[in-house]
Each structure stands twice: as C-alpha cells, then as structure tokens.
PDB file of N, CA and C in Angstrom:
ATOM      1  N   MET A   1      52.679  55.231 -53.260  1.00  0.00           N
ATOM      2  CA  MET A   1      52.968  55.401 -54.670  1.00  0.00           C
ATOM      3  C   MET A   1      51.820  56.103 -55.357  1.00  0.00           C
ATOM      4  N   LYS A   2      51.433  57.195 -54.839  1.00  0.00           N
ATOM      5  CA  LYS A   2      50.321  57.924 -55.417  1.00  0.00           C
ATOM      6  C   LYS A   2      50.710  58.438 -56.798  1.00  0.00           C
ATOM      7  N   GLY A   3      49.857  58.239 -57.776  1.00  0.00           N
ATOM      8  CA  GLY A   3      50.147  58.680 -59.131  1.00  0.00           C
ATOM      9  C   GLY A   3      51.137  57.774 -59.838  1.00  0.00           C
ATOM     10  N   PHE A   4      51.309  56.572 -59.360  1.00  0.00           N
ATOM     11  CA  PHE A   4      52.263  55.622 -59.919  1.00  0.00           C
ATOM     12  C   PHE A   4      51.766  55.103 -61.254  1.00  0.00           C
ATOM     13  N   LYS A   5      52.595  55.282 -62.290  1.00  0.00           N
ATOM     14  CA  LYS A   5      52.240  54.787 -63.618  1.00  0.00           C
ATOM     15  C   LYS A   5      53.369  53.895 -64.122  1.00  0.00           C
ATOM     16  N   PRO A   6      53.189  52.588 -64.064  1.00  0.00           N
ATOM     17  CA  PRO A   6      54.254  51.688 -64.486  1.00  0.00           C
ATOM     18  C   PRO A   6      54.598  51.794 -65.962  1.00  0.00           C
ATOM     19  N   GLY A   7      53.686  52.267 -66.776  1.00  0.00           N
ATOM     20  CA  GLY A   7      53.957  52.398 -68.209  1.00  0.00           C
ATOM     21  C   GLY A   7      54.977  53.472 -68.530  1.00  0.00           C
ATOM     22  N   ASP A   8      55.233  54.369 -67.579  1.00  0.00           N
ATOM     23  CA  ASP A   8      56.194  55.446 -67.799  1.00  0.00           C
ATOM     24  C   ASP A   8      57.637  55.027 -67.536  1.00  0.00           C
ATOM     25  N   LEU A   9      57.839  53.859 -66.939  1.00  0.00           N
ATOM     26  CA  LEU A   9      59.178  53.388 -66.583  1.00  0.00           C
ATOM     27  C   LEU A   9      59.655  52.339 -67.581  1.00  0.00           C
ATOM     28  N   ASP A  10      60.988  52.206 -67.701  1.00  0.00           N
ATOM     29  CA  ASP A  10      61.502  51.154 -68.574  1.00  0.00           C
ATOM     30  C   ASP A  10      61.565  49.830 -67.795  1.00  0.00           C
ATOM     31  N   ASP A  11      61.877  48.753 -68.503  1.00  0.00           N
ATOM     32  CA  ASP A  11      61.831  47.420 -67.908  1.00  0.00           C
ATOM     33  C   ASP A  11      62.767  47.283 -66.711  1.00  0.00           C
ATOM     34  N   LYS A  12      63.961  47.842 -66.832  1.00  0.00           N
ATOM     35  CA  LYS A  12      64.943  47.731 -65.755  1.00  0.00           C
ATOM     36  C   LYS A  12      64.423  48.405 -64.479  1.00  0.00           C
ATOM     37  N   GLU A  13      63.859  49.595 -64.619  1.00  0.00           N
ATOM     38  CA  GLU A  13      63.317  50.309 -63.472  1.00  0.00           C
ATOM     39  C   GLU A  13      62.123  49.560 -62.871  1.00  0.00           C
ATOM     40  N   LEU A  14      61.287  48.987 -63.730  1.00  0.00           N
ATOM     41  CA  LEU A  14      60.130  48.229 -63.244  1.00  0.00           C
ATOM     42  C   LEU A  14      60.566  46.997 -62.452  1.00  0.00           C
ATOM     43  N   LYS A  15      61.576  46.298 -62.950  1.00  0.00           N
ATOM     44  CA  LYS A  15      62.051  45.106 -62.247  1.00  0.00           C
ATOM     45  C   LYS A  15      62.687  45.474 -60.911  1.00  0.00           C
ATOM     46  N   HIS A  16      63.398  46.605 -60.885  1.00  0.00           N
ATOM     47  CA  HIS A  16      63.981  47.080 -59.628  1.00  0.00           C
ATOM     48  C   HIS A  16      62.872  47.429 -58.634  1.00  0.00           C
ATOM     49  N   GLN A  17      61.873  48.138 -59.111  1.00  0.00           N
ATOM     50  CA  GLN A  17      60.733  48.527 -58.270  1.00  0.00           C
ATOM     51  C   GLN A  17      60.026  47.276 -57.744  1.00  0.00           C
ATOM     52  N   LEU A  18      59.888  46.284 -58.605  1.00  0.00           N
ATOM     53  CA  LEU A  18      59.216  45.040 -58.228  1.00  0.00           C
ATOM     54  C   LEU A  18      59.986  44.309 -57.134  1.00  0.00           C
ATOM     55  N   SER A  19      61.310  44.249 -57.246  1.00  0.00           N
ATOM     56  CA  SER A  19      62.098  43.555 -56.226  1.00  0.00           C
ATOM     57  C   SER A  19      62.024  44.282 -54.887  1.00  0.00           C
ATOM     58  N   GLU A  20      62.056  45.611 -54.908  1.00  0.00           N
ATOM     59  CA  GLU A  20      61.911  46.374 -53.666  1.00  0.00           C
ATOM     60  C   GLU A  20      60.536  46.149 -53.052  1.00  0.00           C
ATOM     61  N   MET A  21      59.530  46.103 -53.915  1.00  0.00           N
ATOM     62  CA  MET A  21      58.164  45.902 -53.450  1.00  0.00           C
ATOM     63  C   MET A  21      57.998  44.509 -52.837  1.00  0.00           C
ATOM     64  N   GLU A  22      58.638  43.507 -53.429  1.00  0.00           N
ATOM     65  CA  GLU A  22      58.562  42.141 -52.895  1.00  0.00           C
ATOM     66  C   GLU A  22      59.154  42.094 -51.483  1.00  0.00           C
ATOM     67  N   ASP A  23      60.292  42.771 -51.265  1.00  0.00           N
ATOM     68  CA  ASP A  23      60.904  42.802 -49.938  1.00  0.00           C
ATOM     69  C   ASP A  23      59.982  43.467 -48.919  1.00  0.00           C
ATOM     70  N   GLN A  24      59.447  44.608 -49.287  1.00  0.00           N
ATOM     71  CA  GLN A  24      58.568  45.344 -48.389  1.00  0.00           C
ATOM     72  C   GLN A  24      57.285  44.547 -48.125  1.00  0.00           C
ATOM     73  N   PHE A  25      56.770  43.910 -49.157  1.00  0.00           N
ATOM     74  CA  PHE A  25      55.558  43.109 -49.030  1.00  0.00           C
ATOM     75  C   PHE A  25      55.774  41.954 -48.045  1.00  0.00           C
ATOM     76  N   PHE A  26      56.945  41.313 -48.145  1.00  0.00           N
ATOM     77  CA  PHE A  26      57.274  40.218 -47.235  1.00  0.00           C
ATOM     78  C   PHE A  26      57.295  40.711 -45.787  1.00  0.00           C
ATOM     79  N   ARG A  27      57.943  41.861 -45.560  1.00  0.00           N
ATOM     80  CA  ARG A  27      58.022  42.411 -44.210  1.00  0.00           C
ATOM     81  C   ARG A  27      56.639  42.762 -43.660  1.00  0.00           C
ATOM     82  N   LEU A  28      55.793  43.344 -44.511  1.00  0.00           N
ATOM     83  CA  LEU A  28      54.452  43.713 -44.070  1.00  0.00           C
ATOM     84  C   LEU A  28      53.613  42.482 -43.738  1.00  0.00           C
ATOM     85  N   LYS A  29      53.731  41.435 -44.564  1.00  0.00           N
ATOM     86  CA  LYS A  29      52.989  40.206 -44.290  1.00  0.00           C
ATOM     87  C   LYS A  29      53.464  39.570 -42.991  1.00  0.00           C
ATOM     88  N   PHE A  30      54.772  39.617 -42.749  1.00  0.00           N
ATOM     89  CA  PHE A  30      55.323  39.061 -41.518  1.00  0.00           C
ATOM     90  C   PHE A  30      54.803  39.836 -40.305  1.00  0.00           C
ATOM     91  N   GLN A  31      54.792  41.167 -40.402  1.00  0.00           N
ATOM     92  CA  GLN A  31      54.280  42.003 -39.319  1.00  0.00           C
ATOM     93  C   GLN A  31      52.801  41.714 -39.065  1.00  0.00           C
ATOM     94  N   LYS A  32      52.063  41.537 -40.136  1.00  0.00           N
ATOM     95  CA  LYS A  32      50.632  41.247 -40.000  1.00  0.00           C
ATOM     96  C   LYS A  32      50.425  39.914 -39.286  1.00  0.00           C
ATOM     97  N   ALA A  33      51.232  38.924 -39.636  1.00  0.00           N
ATOM     98  CA  ALA A  33      51.123  37.614 -39.012  1.00  0.00           C
ATOM     99  C   ALA A  33      51.474  37.681 -37.523  1.00  0.00           C
ATOM    100  N   MET A  34      52.367  38.573 -37.165  1.00  0.00           N
ATOM    101  CA  MET A  34      52.754  38.730 -35.759  1.00  0.00           C
ATOM    102  C   MET A  34      51.769  39.613 -34.994  1.00  0.00           C
ATOM    103  N   GLY A  35      50.801  40.153 -35.693  1.00  0.00           N
ATOM    104  CA  GLY A  35      49.788  40.982 -35.060  1.00  0.00           C
ATOM    105  C   GLY A  35      50.248  42.407 -34.812  1.00  0.00           C
ATOM    106  N   GLN A  36      51.310  42.838 -35.493  1.00  0.00           N
ATOM    107  CA  GLN A  36      51.860  44.167 -35.284  1.00  0.00           C
ATOM    108  C   GLN A  36      51.330  45.195 -36.276  1.00  0.00           C
ATOM    109  N   MET A  37      50.585  44.739 -37.236  1.00  0.00           N
ATOM    110  CA  MET A  37      50.225  45.656 -38.308  1.00  0.00           C
ATOM    111  C   MET A  37      48.724  45.919 -38.344  1.00  0.00           C
ATOM    112  N   ASP A  38      48.382  47.160 -38.511  1.00  0.00           N
ATOM    113  CA  ASP A  38      46.975  47.498 -38.661  1.00  0.00           C
ATOM    114  C   ASP A  38      46.730  48.220 -39.984  1.00  0.00           C
ATOM    115  N   GLY A  39      47.742  48.338 -40.827  1.00  0.00           N
ATOM    116  CA  GLY A  39      47.617  49.030 -42.107  1.00  0.00           C
ATOM    117  C   GLY A  39      47.305  48.084 -43.247  1.00  0.00           C
ATOM    118  N   LEU A  40      46.153  47.470 -43.180  1.00  0.00           N
ATOM    119  CA  LEU A  40      45.762  46.521 -44.223  1.00  0.00           C
ATOM    120  C   LEU A  40      45.615  47.206 -45.576  1.00  0.00           C
ATOM    121  N   LYS A  41      45.237  48.475 -45.556  1.00  0.00           N
ATOM    122  CA  LYS A  41      45.062  49.217 -46.806  1.00  0.00           C
ATOM    123  C   LYS A  41      46.377  49.312 -47.578  1.00  0.00           C
ATOM    124  N   LYS A  42      47.482  49.467 -46.865  1.00  0.00           N
ATOM    125  CA  LYS A  42      48.789  49.549 -47.521  1.00  0.00           C
ATOM    126  C   LYS A  42      49.130  48.236 -48.222  1.00  0.00           C
ATOM    127  N   LEU A  43      48.810  47.117 -47.579  1.00  0.00           N
ATOM    128  CA  LEU A  43      49.051  45.813 -48.200  1.00  0.00           C
ATOM    129  C   LEU A  43      48.234  45.660 -49.482  1.00  0.00           C
ATOM    130  N   ARG A  44      46.984  46.061 -49.431  1.00  0.00           N
ATOM    131  CA  ARG A  44      46.117  45.949 -50.610  1.00  0.00           C
ATOM    132  C   ARG A  44      46.630  46.818 -51.751  1.00  0.00           C
ATOM    133  N   THR A  45      47.015  48.045 -51.422  1.00  0.00           N
ATOM    134  CA  THR A  45      47.537  48.958 -52.433  1.00  0.00           C
ATOM    135  C   THR A  45      48.810  48.409 -53.060  1.00  0.00           C
ATOM    136  N   MET A  46      49.689  47.873 -52.224  1.00  0.00           N
ATOM    137  CA  MET A  46      50.943  47.324 -52.721  1.00  0.00           C
ATOM    138  C   MET A  46      50.694  46.124 -53.625  1.00  0.00           C
ATOM    139  N   ARG A  47      49.722  45.292 -53.252  1.00  0.00           N
ATOM    140  CA  ARG A  47      49.401  44.121 -54.072  1.00  0.00           C
ATOM    141  C   ARG A  47      48.887  44.557 -55.448  1.00  0.00           C
ATOM    142  N   LYS A  48      48.080  45.617 -55.477  1.00  0.00           N
ATOM    143  CA  LYS A  48      47.553  46.115 -56.751  1.00  0.00           C
ATOM    144  C   LYS A  48      48.660  46.742 -57.602  1.00  0.00           C
ATOM    145  N   ASP A  49      49.561  47.494 -56.974  1.00  0.00           N
ATOM    146  CA  ASP A  49      50.678  48.078 -57.702  1.00  0.00           C
ATOM    147  C   ASP A  49      51.580  46.992 -58.291  1.00  0.00           C
ATOM    148  N   ARG A  50      51.784  45.927 -57.516  1.00  0.00           N
ATOM    149  CA  ARG A  50      52.596  44.802 -57.994  1.00  0.00           C
ATOM    150  C   ARG A  50      51.944  44.172 -59.224  1.00  0.00           C
ATOM    151  N   ALA A  51      50.630  44.011 -59.178  1.00  0.00           N
ATOM    152  CA  ALA A  51      49.905  43.443 -60.313  1.00  0.00           C
ATOM    153  C   ALA A  51      50.015  44.338 -61.540  1.00  0.00           C
ATOM    154  N   ARG A  52      49.964  45.654 -61.331  1.00  0.00           N
ATOM    155  CA  ARG A  52      50.109  46.586 -62.455  1.00  0.00           C
ATOM    156  C   ARG A  52      51.478  46.450 -63.107  1.00  0.00           C
ATOM    157  N   ILE A  53      52.520  46.367 -62.284  1.00  0.00           N
ATOM    158  CA  ILE A  53      53.878  46.229 -62.814  1.00  0.00           C
ATOM    159  C   ILE A  53      54.008  44.933 -63.601  1.00  0.00           C
ATOM    160  N   LEU A  54      53.525  43.838 -63.035  1.00  0.00           N
ATOM    161  CA  LEU A  54      53.611  42.554 -63.726  1.00  0.00           C
ATOM    162  C   LEU A  54      52.827  42.566 -65.032  1.00  0.00           C
ATOM    163  N   THR A  55      51.705  43.254 -65.054  1.00  0.00           N
ATOM    164  CA  THR A  55      50.898  43.353 -66.271  1.00  0.00           C
ATOM    165  C   THR A  55      51.653  44.107 -67.359  1.00  0.00           C
ATOM    166  N   VAL A  56      52.260  45.231 -67.005  1.00  0.00           N
ATOM    167  CA  VAL A  56      53.011  46.025 -67.989  1.00  0.00           C
ATOM    168  C   VAL A  56      54.194  45.220 -68.524  1.00  0.00           C
ATOM    169  N   LEU A  57      54.911  44.537 -67.633  1.00  0.00           N
ATOM    170  CA  LEU A  57      56.046  43.718 -68.077  1.00  0.00           C
ATOM    171  C   LEU A  57      55.586  42.615 -69.027  1.00  0.00           C
ATOM    172  N   ARG A  58      54.471  41.984 -68.727  1.00  0.00           N
ATOM    173  CA  ARG A  58      53.952  40.906 -69.585  1.00  0.00           C
ATOM    174  C   ARG A  58      53.496  41.450 -70.934  1.00  0.00           C
ATOM    175  N   GLN A  59      52.845  42.608 -70.925  1.00  0.00           N
ATOM    176  CA  GLN A  59      52.399  43.216 -72.184  1.00  0.00           C
ATOM    177  C   GLN A  59      53.596  43.540 -73.071  1.00  0.00           C
ATOM    178  N   ARG A  60      54.642  44.063 -72.468  1.00  0.00           N
ATOM    179  CA  ARG A  60      55.854  44.380 -73.240  1.00  0.00           C
ATOM    180  C   ARG A  60      56.509  43.117 -73.769  1.00  0.00           C
ATOM    181  N   GLU A  61      56.499  42.062 -72.950  1.00  0.00           N
ATOM    182  CA  GLU A  61      57.063  40.793 -73.376  1.00  0.00           C
ATOM    183  C   GLU A  61      56.312  40.241 -74.584  1.00  0.00           C
ATOM    184  N   LEU A  62      54.994  40.298 -74.538  1.00  0.00           N
ATOM    185  CA  LEU A  62      54.181  39.807 -75.654  1.00  0.00           C
ATOM    186  C   LEU A  62      54.340  40.667 -76.887  1.00  0.00           C
ATOM    187  N   ALA A  63      54.456  41.984 -76.702  1.00  0.00           N
ATOM    188  CA  ALA A  63      54.645  42.882 -77.835  1.00  0.00           C
ATOM    189  C   ALA A  63      56.000  42.612 -78.501  1.00  0.00           C
ATOM    190  N   GLY A  64      57.011  42.301 -77.697  1.00  0.00           N
ATOM    191  CA  GLY A  64      58.327  41.985 -78.242  1.00  0.00           C
ATOM    192  C   GLY A  64      58.328  40.659 -78.987  1.00  0.00           C
ATOM    193  N   ALA A  65      57.511  39.713 -78.557  1.00  0.00           N
ATOM    194  CA  ALA A  65      57.438  38.408 -79.203  1.00  0.00           C
ATOM    195  C   ALA A  65      56.748  38.491 -80.565  1.00  0.00           C
ATOM    196  N   LYS A  66      55.849  39.447 -80.718  1.00  0.00           N
ATOM    197  CA  LYS A  66      55.131  39.605 -81.978  1.00  0.00           C
ATOM    198  C   LYS A  66      56.019  40.174 -83.081  1.00  0.00           C
ATOM    199  N   LYS A  67      57.016  40.928 -82.675  1.00  0.00           N
ATOM    200  CA  LYS A  67      57.884  41.574 -83.682  1.00  0.00           C
ATOM    201  C   LYS A  67      58.808  40.627 -84.349  1.00  0.00           C
TER     202      LYS A  67
END
C-alpha cells in the first residue's frame, strides 16, 4: 500500500479496506506461526496501516459527535 492515505477515502471504503486487511493479517500471522513466513516487514507495515485507518475512523467519529 505504498502512498496509502486513509484520509482520502470515505468511511465505507475504509471499513471495507480494514476488513480485507484483518483477513490478510490473520493469514500472515498463521503462516508466521507455522514457520512459513519470512516477510516480517509486511506484517509490520500492515499493522501500521491498520492503525492509521482506525485513527482516521476515530477522528471522524469524534468530529461527528462534536457537531
């Protein structure tokens, strides 16, 4: 997800992206546990992207609550 900017997407797209990321993250963690994975960098990047998405969703939620 090079150049990924969660602020450019709407909530529906972010939630869809998040659910896809959760599935992929689960598979990668399972592969790592089985000793099949050597791409630890991909896991770290995905975890950071997930945090960015959750942060944007939370910021929007708080901004909506203030109105």
